[in-house]
Amino acid sequence: MTRRISNFKRFVMMNPIIQFFRFLYLSIKVLLIVAGGHGGTRKI
């Protein structure tokens, strides 16, 4: 049984611009979480 990938999903996976924006979005979310005090580097 072969899973068929829809054309839209393949287009999203092959599109470097969308991948770049997803990477930016994830890194900004991580930065916000770390800067929001979960990192705990500046607690004096």
C-alpha atoms as a PDB file:
ATOM      1  CA  MET A   1       0.000   0.000   0.000  1.00  0.00           C
ATOM      2  CA  THR A   2       1.617   3.199  -1.174  1.00  0.00           C
ATOM      3  CA  ARG A   3       0.773   6.466   0.506  1.00  0.00           C
ATOM      4  CA  ARG A   4       0.124   9.121  -2.097  1.00  0.00           C
ATOM      5  CA  ILE A   5       1.283  12.636  -1.279  1.00  0.00           C
ATOM      6  CA  SER A   6      -1.081  15.303  -2.536  1.00  0.00           C
ATOM      7  CA  ASN A   7       0.237  17.861  -5.007  1.00  0.00           C
ATOM      8  CA  PHE A   8      -0.163  20.682  -2.498  1.00  0.00           C
ATOM      9  CA  LYS A   9       1.856  18.893   0.176  1.00  0.00           C
ATOM     10  CA  ARG A  10       4.597  18.106  -2.325  1.00  0.00           C
ATOM     11  CA  PHE A  11       4.574  21.738  -3.464  1.00  0.00           C
ATOM     12  CA  VAL A  12       4.936  22.934   0.121  1.00  0.00           C
ATOM     13  CA  MET A  13       7.727  20.465   0.830  1.00  0.00           C
ATOM     14  CA  MET A  14       9.627  21.400  -2.323  1.00  0.00           C
ATOM     15  CA  ASN A  15       9.213  25.152  -1.847  1.00  0.00           C
ATOM     16  CA  PRO A  16      12.320  26.576  -0.117  1.00  0.00           C
ATOM     17  CA  ILE A  17      10.591  29.893   0.642  1.00  0.00           C
ATOM     18  CA  ILE A  18       7.842  28.233   2.654  1.00  0.00           C
ATOM     19  CA  GLN A  19      10.430  26.080   4.424  1.00  0.00           C
ATOM     20  CA  PHE A  20      12.430  29.217   5.242  1.00  0.00           C
ATOM     21  CA  PHE A  21       9.420  30.970   6.726  1.00  0.00           C
ATOM     22  CA  ARG A  22       8.502  27.898   8.755  1.00  0.00           C
ATOM     23  CA  PHE A  23      12.067  27.773  10.095  1.00  0.00           C
ATOM     24  CA  LEU A  24      11.948  31.489  10.941  1.00  0.00           C
ATOM     25  CA  TYR A  25       8.601  31.066  12.699  1.00  0.00           C
ATOM     26  CA  LEU A  26       9.848  28.149  14.796  1.00  0.00           C
ATOM     27  CA  SER A  27      13.105  29.855  15.759  1.00  0.00           C
ATOM     28  CA  ILE A  28      11.254  33.022  16.766  1.00  0.00           C
ATOM     29  CA  LYS A  29       8.903  30.945  18.910  1.00  0.00           C
ATOM     30  CA  VAL A  30      11.879  29.275  20.603  1.00  0.00           C
ATOM     31  CA  LEU A  31      13.572  32.637  21.136  1.00  0.00           C
ATOM     32  CA  LEU A  32      10.428  34.066  22.701  1.00  0.00           C
ATOM     33  CA  ILE A  33      10.131  31.086  25.039  1.00  0.00           C
ATOM     34  CA  VAL A  34      13.782  31.346  26.081  1.00  0.00           C
ATOM     35  CA  ALA A  35      13.609  35.123  26.456  1.00  0.00           C
ATOM     36  CA  GLY A  36      10.381  34.794  28.417  1.00  0.00           C
ATOM     37  CA  GLY A  37      12.244  33.396  31.437  1.00  0.00           C
ATOM     38  CA  HIS A  38      12.213  29.671  30.662  1.00  0.00           C
ATOM     39  CA  GLY A  39      15.944  29.831  29.984  1.00  0.00           C
ATOM     40  CA  GLY A  40      16.596  31.365  33.376  1.00  0.00           C
ATOM     41  CA  THR A  41      20.053  32.699  32.514  1.00  0.00           C
ATOM     42  CA  ARG A  42      19.561  36.206  33.945  1.00  0.00           C
ATOM     43  CA  LYS A  43      18.010  35.400  37.288  1.00  0.00           C
ATOM     44  CA  ILE A  44      20.173  37.110  39.854  1.00  0.00           C
END
